Amino acid sequence: MSEPSTVAPSGLRIRLREKLPEILIEAASVVLALLLALAANDWYDHRQEAERTVKARAAIMAELAQNHRELLTAQPRLHQIVADLTGVLERPPDADREVKVNLGLSLLSQAAWQAALTTQAAQGLDFDWMTRVAQVYELQSSYMHAQNAAVDAIAALPFRDELANGQDVARRLISRMRALSQLADGLVGAYEDILEQPNDAG
């Protein structure tokens, strides 16, 4: 009875030993290709995020600049309204005088800011810069609320024949108009502080 042959296993081991470098090279190539693909994907994602951040920041700065220009047109009117109402109150009560309040409406946008906050675009923005911008938008929101309150106060005025004189109108409006004017002054300054530092957002 013949003994089991060991030629086949030995031959297999020899062929495996001969193929081992080739197998290792192929495996290394696959791993390297995978790592390169992951690195390329990370680089692309980072580039996309950086581009979104740059676009978001540019949109916010453009929005603030537009709001600044809008408010600059309202600021002189507010100063004049406060001066006119103050002048009416300083006159004798019986000096009847027509009071004109040319308020107008400032349309201040926060669309770019809200869009950045609700997307990944804000992730790459510098935190300190975002904090300062958030404070500007908070002040802007306060101004818009004060403006709405002033409009409501004007709309609630009775007809002229129901008013004793111009001082009645002035008394009803002066506090709101003075507050609105002061908010406008502060907001203009806040806009300018941010717009004068265009390169510090990281």
N, C-alpha and C. Protein backbone atom coordinates (compact mmCIF):
# COMPACT_ATOMS: atom_id res chain seq x y z
N MET A 1 0.86 -1.20 0.00
CA MET A 1 0.00 0.00 0.00
C MET A 1 0.88 1.23 0.00
N SER A 2 0.62 2.14 -0.93
CA SER A 2 1.49 3.32 -1.07
C SER A 2 1.16 4.37 -0.03
N GLU A 3 2.18 5.14 0.37
CA GLU A 3 2.00 6.21 1.35
C GLU A 3 1.39 7.45 0.68
N PRO A 4 0.63 8.27 1.49
CA PRO A 4 0.01 9.49 0.91
C PRO A 4 1.06 10.40 0.31
N SER A 5 0.72 10.93 -0.84
CA SER A 5 1.66 11.80 -1.53
C SER A 5 1.64 13.19 -0.92
N THR A 6 2.82 13.79 -0.79
CA THR A 6 2.95 15.16 -0.26
C THR A 6 3.37 16.13 -1.35
N VAL A 7 3.30 15.67 -2.60
CA VAL A 7 3.75 16.51 -3.70
C VAL A 7 2.81 17.68 -3.91
N ALA A 8 1.45 17.39 -3.87
CA ALA A 8 0.48 18.46 -4.15
C ALA A 8 0.55 19.58 -3.13
N PRO A 9 0.53 19.22 -1.80
CA PRO A 9 0.63 20.31 -0.83
C PRO A 9 1.94 21.06 -0.95
N SER A 10 3.01 20.37 -1.17
CA SER A 10 4.29 21.04 -1.30
C SER A 10 4.28 21.96 -2.51
N GLY A 11 3.73 21.49 -3.60
CA GLY A 11 3.64 22.32 -4.80
C GLY A 11 2.77 23.55 -4.57
N LEU A 12 1.68 23.37 -3.81
CA LEU A 12 0.80 24.50 -3.53
C LEU A 12 1.51 25.54 -2.69
N ARG A 13 2.27 25.04 -1.70
CA ARG A 13 3.01 25.98 -0.85
C ARG A 13 4.05 26.74 -1.66
N ILE A 14 4.67 26.06 -2.58
CA ILE A 14 5.69 26.72 -3.41
C ILE A 14 5.04 27.78 -4.29
N ARG A 15 3.92 27.43 -4.92
CA ARG A 15 3.24 28.42 -5.77
C ARG A 15 2.72 29.60 -4.96
N LEU A 16 2.22 29.29 -3.75
CA LEU A 16 1.73 30.38 -2.87
C LEU A 16 2.87 31.30 -2.48
N ARG A 17 4.02 30.67 -2.18
CA ARG A 17 5.19 31.48 -1.81
C ARG A 17 5.63 32.35 -2.98
N GLU A 18 5.53 31.82 -4.17
CA GLU A 18 5.92 32.59 -5.36
C GLU A 18 4.93 33.72 -5.63
N LYS A 19 3.64 33.46 -5.35
CA LYS A 19 2.61 34.46 -5.62
C LYS A 19 2.45 35.49 -4.50
N LEU A 20 3.01 35.19 -3.35
CA LEU A 20 2.80 36.05 -2.18
C LEU A 20 3.20 37.50 -2.43
N PRO A 21 4.37 37.79 -2.99
CA PRO A 21 4.70 39.20 -3.26
C PRO A 21 3.68 39.88 -4.17
N GLU A 22 3.24 39.14 -5.18
CA GLU A 22 2.25 39.73 -6.09
C GLU A 22 0.93 40.00 -5.37
N ILE A 23 0.52 39.04 -4.50
CA ILE A 23 -0.71 39.22 -3.74
C ILE A 23 -0.60 40.41 -2.80
N LEU A 24 0.55 40.54 -2.14
CA LEU A 24 0.76 41.65 -1.21
C LEU A 24 0.75 42.99 -1.95
N ILE A 25 1.37 43.01 -3.13
CA ILE A 25 1.40 44.24 -3.92
C ILE A 25 -0.01 44.64 -4.33
N GLU A 26 -0.80 43.64 -4.79
CA GLU A 26 -2.17 43.94 -5.19
C GLU A 26 -3.00 44.42 -4.01
N ALA A 27 -2.83 43.77 -2.85
CA ALA A 27 -3.57 44.19 -1.66
C ALA A 27 -3.18 45.60 -1.25
N ALA A 28 -1.87 45.86 -1.30
CA ALA A 28 -1.40 47.20 -0.95
C ALA A 28 -1.94 48.24 -1.93
N SER A 29 -2.03 47.86 -3.20
CA SER A 29 -2.56 48.78 -4.21
C SER A 29 -4.02 49.10 -3.94
N VAL A 30 -4.78 48.07 -3.55
CA VAL A 30 -6.20 48.28 -3.24
C VAL A 30 -6.35 49.20 -2.04
N VAL A 31 -5.56 48.95 -1.00
CA VAL A 31 -5.63 49.78 0.21
C VAL A 31 -5.22 51.21 -0.11
N LEU A 32 -4.14 51.35 -0.89
CA LEU A 32 -3.68 52.69 -1.26
C LEU A 32 -4.73 53.43 -2.08
N ALA A 33 -5.35 52.72 -3.02
CA ALA A 33 -6.39 53.34 -3.84
C ALA A 33 -7.56 53.78 -2.98
N LEU A 34 -7.92 52.95 -2.00
CA LEU A 34 -9.02 53.30 -1.10
C LEU A 34 -8.67 54.53 -0.26
N LEU A 35 -7.45 54.56 0.26
CA LEU A 35 -7.02 55.71 1.06
C LEU A 35 -6.99 56.98 0.23
N LEU A 36 -6.52 56.87 -1.00
CA LEU A 36 -6.48 58.04 -1.88
C LEU A 36 -7.90 58.53 -2.19
N ALA A 37 -8.82 57.56 -2.40
CA ALA A 37 -10.20 57.94 -2.68
C ALA A 37 -10.82 58.66 -1.48
N LEU A 38 -10.55 58.14 -0.28
CA LEU A 38 -11.07 58.78 0.93
C LEU A 38 -10.47 60.17 1.11
N ALA A 39 -9.16 60.27 0.85
CA ALA A 39 -8.50 61.58 0.99
C ALA A 39 -9.05 62.57 -0.02
N ALA A 40 -9.26 62.11 -1.24
CA ALA A 40 -9.80 62.99 -2.27
C ALA A 40 -11.21 63.43 -1.92
N ASN A 41 -12.00 62.50 -1.35
CA ASN A 41 -13.36 62.85 -0.95
C ASN A 41 -13.36 63.87 0.18
N ASP A 42 -12.45 63.66 1.17
CA ASP A 42 -12.34 64.62 2.27
C ASP A 42 -11.90 65.98 1.75
N TRP A 43 -10.95 65.98 0.83
CA TRP A 43 -10.48 67.26 0.27
C TRP A 43 -11.60 67.96 -0.47
N TYR A 44 -12.39 67.20 -1.22
CA TYR A 44 -13.51 67.80 -1.97
C TYR A 44 -14.55 68.37 -1.01
N ASP A 45 -14.87 67.58 0.04
CA ASP A 45 -15.86 68.05 1.01
C ASP A 45 -15.36 69.32 1.70
N HIS A 46 -14.08 69.33 2.06
CA HIS A 46 -13.51 70.50 2.71
C HIS A 46 -13.54 71.72 1.78
N ARG A 47 -13.23 71.48 0.51
CA ARG A 47 -13.26 72.57 -0.45
C ARG A 47 -14.67 73.10 -0.63
N GLN A 48 -15.65 72.19 -0.70
CA GLN A 48 -17.03 72.61 -0.84
C GLN A 48 -17.49 73.41 0.39
N GLU A 49 -17.08 72.94 1.56
CA GLU A 49 -17.45 73.65 2.79
C GLU A 49 -16.81 75.03 2.83
N ALA A 50 -15.55 75.11 2.41
CA ALA A 50 -14.86 76.40 2.39
C ALA A 50 -15.54 77.36 1.41
N GLU A 51 -15.95 76.86 0.26
CA GLU A 51 -16.63 77.70 -0.72
C GLU A 51 -17.98 78.17 -0.19
N ARG A 52 -18.71 77.28 0.49
CA ARG A 52 -19.99 77.68 1.07
C ARG A 52 -19.79 78.75 2.14
N THR A 53 -18.73 78.59 2.91
CA THR A 53 -18.45 79.56 3.97
C THR A 53 -18.14 80.93 3.37
N VAL A 54 -17.31 80.94 2.33
CA VAL A 54 -16.96 82.22 1.69
C VAL A 54 -18.21 82.88 1.11
N LYS A 55 -19.05 82.09 0.44
CA LYS A 55 -20.27 82.65 -0.16
C LYS A 55 -21.22 83.15 0.91
N ALA A 56 -21.35 82.38 1.99
CA ALA A 56 -22.26 82.79 3.07
C ALA A 56 -21.80 84.09 3.70
N ARG A 57 -20.50 84.19 3.95
CA ARG A 57 -19.97 85.40 4.58
C ARG A 57 -20.13 86.61 3.66
N ALA A 58 -19.88 86.41 2.37
CA ALA A 58 -20.05 87.50 1.41
C ALA A 58 -21.50 87.95 1.35
N ALA A 59 -22.43 86.98 1.41
CA ALA A 59 -23.85 87.33 1.36
C ALA A 59 -24.27 88.10 2.61
N ILE A 60 -23.75 87.70 3.77
CA ILE A 60 -24.07 88.39 5.01
C ILE A 60 -23.52 89.81 4.98
N MET A 61 -22.29 89.97 4.52
CA MET A 61 -21.70 91.31 4.46
C MET A 61 -22.46 92.20 3.48
N ALA A 62 -22.88 91.63 2.35
CA ALA A 62 -23.65 92.41 1.38
C ALA A 62 -25.00 92.81 1.97
N GLU A 63 -25.61 91.89 2.71
CA GLU A 63 -26.90 92.20 3.34
C GLU A 63 -26.75 93.30 4.38
N LEU A 64 -25.70 93.24 5.20
CA LEU A 64 -25.47 94.28 6.20
C LEU A 64 -25.19 95.62 5.54
N ALA A 65 -24.45 95.60 4.44
CA ALA A 65 -24.15 96.85 3.73
C ALA A 65 -25.42 97.47 3.16
N GLN A 66 -26.30 96.63 2.61
CA GLN A 66 -27.56 97.13 2.09
C GLN A 66 -28.44 97.68 3.20
N ASN A 67 -28.50 96.98 4.32
CA ASN A 67 -29.28 97.46 5.46
C ASN A 67 -28.72 98.78 5.99
N HIS A 68 -27.39 98.90 5.97
CA HIS A 68 -26.74 100.14 6.39
C HIS A 68 -27.16 101.30 5.50
N ARG A 69 -27.15 101.08 4.20
CA ARG A 69 -27.55 102.14 3.27
C ARG A 69 -29.03 102.50 3.47
N GLU A 70 -29.85 101.49 3.69
CA GLU A 70 -31.28 101.72 3.90
C GLU A 70 -31.51 102.58 5.15
N LEU A 71 -30.80 102.25 6.21
CA LEU A 71 -31.02 102.98 7.46
C LEU A 71 -30.43 104.39 7.41
N LEU A 72 -29.38 104.57 6.64
CA LEU A 72 -28.81 105.91 6.50
C LEU A 72 -29.83 106.89 5.89
N THR A 73 -30.72 106.40 5.06
CA THR A 73 -31.74 107.28 4.48
C THR A 73 -32.83 107.61 5.50
N ALA A 74 -33.03 106.71 6.45
CA ALA A 74 -34.08 106.95 7.46
C ALA A 74 -33.57 107.80 8.62
N GLN A 75 -32.29 107.72 8.89
CA GLN A 75 -31.73 108.40 10.07
C GLN A 75 -32.02 109.90 10.10
N PRO A 76 -31.79 110.65 9.00
CA PRO A 76 -32.10 112.09 9.05
C PRO A 76 -33.58 112.37 9.28
N ARG A 77 -34.45 111.54 8.69
CA ARG A 77 -35.88 111.73 8.89
C ARG A 77 -36.26 111.56 10.36
N LEU A 78 -35.67 110.56 11.00
CA LEU A 78 -35.97 110.32 12.41
C LEU A 78 -35.49 111.48 13.28
N HIS A 79 -34.29 111.99 12.98
CA HIS A 79 -33.79 113.15 13.72
C HIS A 79 -34.74 114.34 13.56
N GLN A 80 -35.22 114.54 12.33
CA GLN A 80 -36.12 115.67 12.06
C GLN A 80 -37.45 115.49 12.78
N ILE A 81 -37.96 114.27 12.79
CA ILE A 81 -39.23 114.02 13.48
C ILE A 81 -39.11 114.33 14.96
N VAL A 82 -38.03 113.85 15.57
CA VAL A 82 -37.82 114.11 17.00
C VAL A 82 -37.69 115.61 17.26
N ALA A 83 -36.95 116.31 16.39
CA ALA A 83 -36.78 117.75 16.55
C ALA A 83 -38.11 118.48 16.40
N ASP A 84 -38.92 118.07 15.41
CA ASP A 84 -40.22 118.72 15.20
C ASP A 84 -41.15 118.49 16.39
N LEU A 85 -41.22 117.25 16.87
CA LEU A 85 -42.10 116.97 18.00
C LEU A 85 -41.64 117.69 19.27
N THR A 86 -40.33 117.75 19.46
CA THR A 86 -39.80 118.48 20.61
C THR A 86 -40.14 119.96 20.51
N GLY A 87 -40.03 120.51 19.29
CA GLY A 87 -40.37 121.91 19.09
C GLY A 87 -41.83 122.20 19.38
N VAL A 88 -42.71 121.30 18.98
CA VAL A 88 -44.13 121.48 19.25
C VAL A 88 -44.40 121.49 20.75
N LEU A 89 -43.75 120.59 21.47
CA LEU A 89 -43.96 120.52 22.92
C LEU A 89 -43.41 121.75 23.64
N GLU A 90 -42.44 122.41 23.06
CA GLU A 90 -41.85 123.59 23.70
C GLU A 90 -42.65 124.86 23.43
N ARG A 91 -43.62 124.81 22.54
CA ARG A 91 -44.46 125.97 22.24
C ARG A 91 -45.60 126.07 23.26
N PRO A 92 -46.21 127.22 23.34
CA PRO A 92 -47.37 127.36 24.24
C PRO A 92 -48.48 126.40 23.85
N PRO A 93 -49.24 125.90 24.82
CA PRO A 93 -50.30 124.93 24.52
C PRO A 93 -51.33 125.43 23.53
N ASP A 94 -51.58 126.73 23.53
CA ASP A 94 -52.61 127.24 22.64
C ASP A 94 -52.08 127.57 21.24
N ALA A 95 -50.81 127.33 21.00
CA ALA A 95 -50.24 127.59 19.67
C ALA A 95 -50.48 126.37 18.78
N ASP A 96 -51.66 126.30 18.25
CA ASP A 96 -52.04 125.15 17.42
C ASP A 96 -51.16 125.10 16.18
N ARG A 97 -50.68 123.93 15.89
CA ARG A 97 -49.80 123.78 14.73
C ARG A 97 -49.93 122.37 14.18
N GLU A 98 -50.01 122.26 12.89
CA GLU A 98 -50.09 120.94 12.26
C GLU A 98 -48.78 120.20 12.43
N VAL A 99 -48.86 118.94 12.78
CA VAL A 99 -47.67 118.12 13.00
C VAL A 99 -47.59 117.07 11.90
N LYS A 100 -46.50 117.06 11.18
CA LYS A 100 -46.27 116.07 10.13
C LYS A 100 -45.20 115.09 10.59
N VAL A 101 -45.51 113.82 10.48
CA VAL A 101 -44.57 112.77 10.86
C VAL A 101 -44.28 111.94 9.62
N ASN A 102 -43.20 112.27 8.94
CA ASN A 102 -42.82 111.57 7.71
C ASN A 102 -41.87 110.43 8.06
N LEU A 103 -42.46 109.38 8.61
CA LEU A 103 -41.63 108.28 9.12
C LEU A 103 -41.03 107.44 7.99
N GLY A 104 -41.86 106.93 7.12
CA GLY A 104 -41.34 105.98 6.14
C GLY A 104 -41.00 104.66 6.81
N LEU A 105 -40.70 103.65 6.03
CA LEU A 105 -40.38 102.34 6.56
C LEU A 105 -39.02 101.88 6.06
N SER A 106 -38.20 101.41 6.98
CA SER A 106 -36.90 100.83 6.63
C SER A 106 -37.06 99.32 6.51
N LEU A 107 -36.76 98.79 5.35
CA LEU A 107 -36.86 97.35 5.11
C LEU A 107 -35.48 96.73 5.29
N LEU A 108 -35.25 96.17 6.45
CA LEU A 108 -33.94 95.61 6.80
C LEU A 108 -34.03 94.09 6.75
N SER A 109 -33.20 93.49 5.92
CA SER A 109 -33.26 92.05 5.68
C SER A 109 -32.35 91.27 6.63
N GLN A 110 -32.74 90.04 6.91
CA GLN A 110 -31.87 89.10 7.63
C GLN A 110 -31.88 87.73 6.94
N ALA A 111 -32.25 87.72 5.66
CA ALA A 111 -32.38 86.46 4.92
C ALA A 111 -31.05 85.72 4.81
N ALA A 112 -29.97 86.43 4.47
CA ALA A 112 -28.67 85.77 4.31
C ALA A 112 -28.19 85.20 5.63
N TRP A 113 -28.39 85.93 6.70
CA TRP A 113 -27.98 85.47 8.04
C TRP A 113 -28.75 84.22 8.43
N GLN A 114 -30.06 84.22 8.24
CA GLN A 114 -30.87 83.06 8.59
C GLN A 114 -30.51 81.86 7.72
N ALA A 115 -30.24 82.09 6.45
CA ALA A 115 -29.86 80.99 5.55
C ALA A 115 -28.55 80.36 6.00
N ALA A 116 -27.61 81.18 6.42
CA ALA A 116 -26.32 80.65 6.87
C ALA A 116 -26.49 79.82 8.14
N LEU A 117 -27.37 80.26 9.03
CA LEU A 117 -27.56 79.55 10.29
C LEU A 117 -28.26 78.21 10.10
N THR A 118 -29.09 78.12 9.09
CA THR A 118 -29.87 76.89 8.89
C THR A 118 -29.21 75.91 7.93
N THR A 119 -28.05 76.23 7.45
CA THR A 119 -27.30 75.32 6.57
C THR A 119 -25.92 75.09 7.15
N GLN A 120 -25.11 74.28 6.47
CA GLN A 120 -23.75 74.00 6.91
C GLN A 120 -22.80 75.15 6.62
N ALA A 121 -23.29 76.17 5.96
CA ALA A 121 -22.40 77.27 5.56
C ALA A 121 -21.81 77.99 6.76
N ALA A 122 -22.52 78.00 7.88
CA ALA A 122 -22.05 78.74 9.05
C ALA A 122 -20.96 78.00 9.82
N GLN A 123 -20.75 76.72 9.53
CA GLN A 123 -19.81 75.93 10.31
C GLN A 123 -18.37 76.42 10.18
N GLY A 124 -18.03 76.97 9.03
CA GLY A 124 -16.65 77.41 8.84
C GLY A 124 -16.40 78.86 9.22
N LEU A 125 -17.44 79.57 9.66
CA LEU A 125 -17.27 80.98 10.02
C LEU A 125 -16.62 81.10 11.40
N ASP A 126 -15.81 82.13 11.53
CA ASP A 126 -15.14 82.37 12.80
C ASP A 126 -16.17 82.68 13.89
N PHE A 127 -16.02 82.04 15.05
CA PHE A 127 -17.03 82.17 16.11
C PHE A 127 -17.11 83.59 16.64
N ASP A 128 -15.97 84.23 16.85
CA ASP A 128 -15.99 85.60 17.37
C ASP A 128 -16.68 86.55 16.38
N TRP A 129 -16.39 86.38 15.10
CA TRP A 129 -17.04 87.20 14.08
C TRP A 129 -18.54 86.95 14.06
N MET A 130 -18.94 85.68 14.13
CA MET A 130 -20.35 85.35 14.15
C MET A 130 -21.06 85.95 15.36
N THR A 131 -20.37 85.98 16.49
CA THR A 131 -20.96 86.56 17.69
C THR A 131 -21.23 88.04 17.51
N ARG A 132 -20.27 88.74 16.92
CA ARG A 132 -20.45 90.18 16.68
C ARG A 132 -21.57 90.43 15.68
N VAL A 133 -21.62 89.61 14.64
CA VAL A 133 -22.68 89.77 13.64
C VAL A 133 -24.05 89.47 14.26
N ALA A 134 -24.12 88.45 15.11
CA ALA A 134 -25.38 88.11 15.77
C ALA A 134 -25.87 89.27 16.62
N GLN A 135 -24.95 89.97 17.28
CA GLN A 135 -25.34 91.13 18.08
C GLN A 135 -25.90 92.24 17.21
N VAL A 136 -25.33 92.41 16.01
CA VAL A 136 -25.86 93.42 15.09
C VAL A 136 -27.28 93.06 14.66
N TYR A 137 -27.49 91.79 14.33
CA TYR A 137 -28.82 91.39 13.91
C TYR A 137 -29.83 91.45 15.06
N GLU A 138 -29.39 91.22 16.29
CA GLU A 138 -30.28 91.39 17.44
C GLU A 138 -30.69 92.85 17.58
N LEU A 139 -29.73 93.76 17.43
CA LEU A 139 -30.05 95.19 17.49
C LEU A 139 -30.97 95.57 16.33
N GLN A 140 -30.73 94.99 15.17
CA GLN A 140 -31.60 95.25 14.01
C GLN A 140 -33.02 94.79 14.30
N SER A 141 -33.16 93.63 14.93
CA SER A 141 -34.48 93.13 15.29
C SER A 141 -35.18 94.07 16.27
N SER A 142 -34.43 94.61 17.22
CA SER A 142 -35.01 95.57 18.16
C SER A 142 -35.49 96.82 17.43
N TYR A 143 -34.70 97.26 16.46
CA TYR A 143 -35.11 98.43 15.68
C TYR A 143 -36.40 98.15 14.92
N MET A 144 -36.50 96.99 14.30
CA MET A 144 -37.69 96.67 13.53
C MET A 144 -38.93 96.61 14.42
N HIS A 145 -38.77 96.06 15.64
CA HIS A 145 -39.89 96.03 16.58
C HIS A 145 -40.29 97.45 16.97
N ALA A 146 -39.30 98.30 17.23
CA ALA A 146 -39.59 99.69 17.60
C ALA A 146 -40.25 100.43 16.44
N GLN A 147 -39.81 100.15 15.23
CA GLN A 147 -40.42 100.79 14.06
C GLN A 147 -41.88 100.37 13.91
N ASN A 148 -42.14 99.08 14.10
CA ASN A 148 -43.53 98.61 14.02
C ASN A 148 -44.39 99.25 15.10
N ALA A 149 -43.82 99.40 16.29
CA ALA A 149 -44.57 100.03 17.37
C ALA A 149 -44.86 101.49 17.06
N ALA A 150 -43.91 102.18 16.43
CA ALA A 150 -44.11 103.58 16.05
C ALA A 150 -45.20 103.70 14.99
N VAL A 151 -45.19 102.80 14.03
CA VAL A 151 -46.22 102.81 12.99
C VAL A 151 -47.59 102.57 13.61
N ASP A 152 -47.67 101.62 14.54
CA ASP A 152 -48.94 101.36 15.22
C ASP A 152 -49.41 102.59 16.00
N ALA A 153 -48.47 103.28 16.63
CA ALA A 153 -48.84 104.48 17.39
C ALA A 153 -49.38 105.57 16.47
N ILE A 154 -48.77 105.72 15.30
CA ILE A 154 -49.25 106.72 14.34
C ILE A 154 -50.64 106.32 13.83
N ALA A 155 -50.81 105.04 13.52
CA ALA A 155 -52.10 104.57 13.01
C ALA A 155 -53.20 104.71 14.04
N ALA A 156 -52.84 104.68 15.33
CA ALA A 156 -53.83 104.76 16.40
C ALA A 156 -54.23 106.19 16.73
N LEU A 157 -53.58 107.18 16.10
CA LEU A 157 -53.94 108.57 16.38
C LEU A 157 -55.37 108.85 15.95
N PRO A 158 -56.13 109.60 16.76
CA PRO A 158 -57.49 109.96 16.36
C PRO A 158 -57.46 111.01 15.26
N PHE A 159 -58.62 111.27 14.69
CA PHE A 159 -58.70 112.29 13.66
C PHE A 159 -58.36 113.66 14.23
N ARG A 160 -57.96 114.54 13.36
CA ARG A 160 -57.48 115.85 13.81
C ARG A 160 -58.51 116.60 14.64
N ASP A 161 -59.80 116.52 14.27
CA ASP A 161 -60.79 117.28 15.01
C ASP A 161 -61.03 116.72 16.41
N GLU A 162 -60.47 115.57 16.71
CA GLU A 162 -60.59 115.00 18.04
C GLU A 162 -59.40 115.38 18.91
N LEU A 163 -58.38 116.04 18.34
CA LEU A 163 -57.20 116.44 19.09
C LEU A 163 -57.32 117.90 19.52
N ALA A 164 -56.87 118.17 20.72
CA ALA A 164 -56.92 119.55 21.21
C ALA A 164 -55.98 120.43 20.41
N ASN A 165 -54.75 119.99 20.18
CA ASN A 165 -53.78 120.75 19.40
C ASN A 165 -52.62 119.83 19.03
N GLY A 166 -51.61 120.43 18.38
CA GLY A 166 -50.47 119.63 17.95
C GLY A 166 -49.70 118.99 19.08
N GLN A 167 -49.80 119.57 20.27
CA GLN A 167 -49.08 118.99 21.40
C GLN A 167 -49.61 117.62 21.78
N ASP A 168 -50.89 117.38 21.55
CA ASP A 168 -51.44 116.06 21.84
C ASP A 168 -50.78 114.99 20.97
N VAL A 169 -50.58 115.31 19.70
CA VAL A 169 -49.90 114.39 18.80
C VAL A 169 -48.47 114.17 19.25
N ALA A 170 -47.80 115.26 19.58
CA ALA A 170 -46.40 115.18 19.99
C ALA A 170 -46.24 114.32 21.24
N ARG A 171 -47.14 114.51 22.21
CA ARG A 171 -47.05 113.73 23.45
C ARG A 171 -47.23 112.24 23.19
N ARG A 172 -48.11 111.91 22.27
CA ARG A 172 -48.37 110.50 21.97
C ARG A 172 -47.21 109.82 21.25
N LEU A 173 -46.43 110.61 20.52
CA LEU A 173 -45.41 110.02 19.65
C LEU A 173 -43.97 110.23 20.11
N ILE A 174 -43.70 111.23 20.90
CA ILE A 174 -42.32 111.64 21.14
C ILE A 174 -41.46 110.52 21.74
N SER A 175 -41.99 109.79 22.70
CA SER A 175 -41.17 108.76 23.35
C SER A 175 -40.80 107.64 22.38
N ARG A 176 -41.76 107.22 21.58
CA ARG A 176 -41.47 106.14 20.61
C ARG A 176 -40.51 106.62 19.53
N MET A 177 -40.71 107.83 19.06
CA MET A 177 -39.85 108.35 18.00
C MET A 177 -38.44 108.60 18.51
N ARG A 178 -38.32 109.06 19.74
CA ARG A 178 -36.99 109.27 20.30
C ARG A 178 -36.25 107.94 20.48
N ALA A 179 -36.98 106.93 20.96
CA ALA A 179 -36.38 105.60 21.11
C ALA A 179 -35.97 105.02 19.76
N LEU A 180 -36.85 105.20 18.77
CA LEU A 180 -36.54 104.69 17.43
C LEU A 180 -35.32 105.38 16.84
N SER A 181 -35.23 106.68 17.03
CA SER A 181 -34.08 107.43 16.52
C SER A 181 -32.78 106.99 17.20
N GLN A 182 -32.85 106.76 18.50
CA GLN A 182 -31.65 106.32 19.22
C GLN A 182 -31.23 104.92 18.78
N LEU A 183 -32.19 104.04 18.57
CA LEU A 183 -31.88 102.71 18.06
C LEU A 183 -31.24 102.79 16.68
N ALA A 184 -31.75 103.67 15.84
CA ALA A 184 -31.20 103.83 14.49
C ALA A 184 -29.75 104.29 14.56
N ASP A 185 -29.46 105.24 15.44
CA ASP A 185 -28.08 105.72 15.59
C ASP A 185 -27.16 104.59 16.03
N GLY A 186 -27.63 103.81 17.01
CA GLY A 186 -26.81 102.69 17.47
C GLY A 186 -26.62 101.62 16.42
N LEU A 187 -27.67 101.36 15.65
CA LEU A 187 -27.59 100.33 14.62
C LEU A 187 -26.69 100.75 13.48
N VAL A 188 -26.73 102.01 13.09
CA VAL A 188 -25.83 102.51 12.05
C VAL A 188 -24.38 102.32 12.49
N GLY A 189 -24.09 102.66 13.74
CA GLY A 189 -22.73 102.47 14.25
C GLY A 189 -22.33 101.01 14.28
N ALA A 190 -23.26 100.11 14.64
CA ALA A 190 -22.97 98.68 14.67
C ALA A 190 -22.69 98.14 13.28
N TYR A 191 -23.48 98.59 12.30
CA TYR A 191 -23.22 98.20 10.91
C TYR A 191 -21.81 98.62 10.51
N GLU A 192 -21.45 99.84 10.80
CA GLU A 192 -20.17 100.36 10.36
C GLU A 192 -19.00 99.64 11.04
N ASP A 193 -19.17 99.25 12.31
CA ASP A 193 -18.11 98.50 12.99
C ASP A 193 -17.82 97.18 12.30
N ILE A 194 -18.88 96.49 11.87
CA ILE A 194 -18.70 95.21 11.19
C ILE A 194 -18.16 95.41 9.78
N LEU A 195 -18.71 96.37 9.07
CA LEU A 195 -18.33 96.58 7.67
C LEU A 195 -16.91 97.12 7.53
N GLU A 196 -16.39 97.73 8.56
CA GLU A 196 -15.02 98.25 8.50
C GLU A 196 -13.99 97.17 8.78
N GLN A 197 -14.42 95.95 9.13
CA GLN A 197 -13.51 94.84 9.41
C GLN A 197 -13.85 93.67 8.51
N PRO A 198 -13.58 93.80 7.20
CA PRO A 198 -14.04 92.78 6.25
C PRO A 198 -13.18 91.53 6.19
N ASN A 199 -12.04 91.49 6.83
CA ASN A 199 -11.12 90.37 6.62
C ASN A 199 -10.81 89.59 7.88
N ASP A 200 -11.68 89.68 8.88
CA ASP A 200 -11.34 89.03 10.14
C ASP A 200 -12.28 87.88 10.49
N ALA A 201 -12.96 87.35 9.51
CA ALA A 201 -13.92 86.28 9.81
C ALA A 201 -13.29 84.91 9.77
N GLY A 202 -12.00 84.80 9.44
CA GLY A 202 -11.34 83.52 9.43
C GLY A 202 -11.54 82.78 8.13
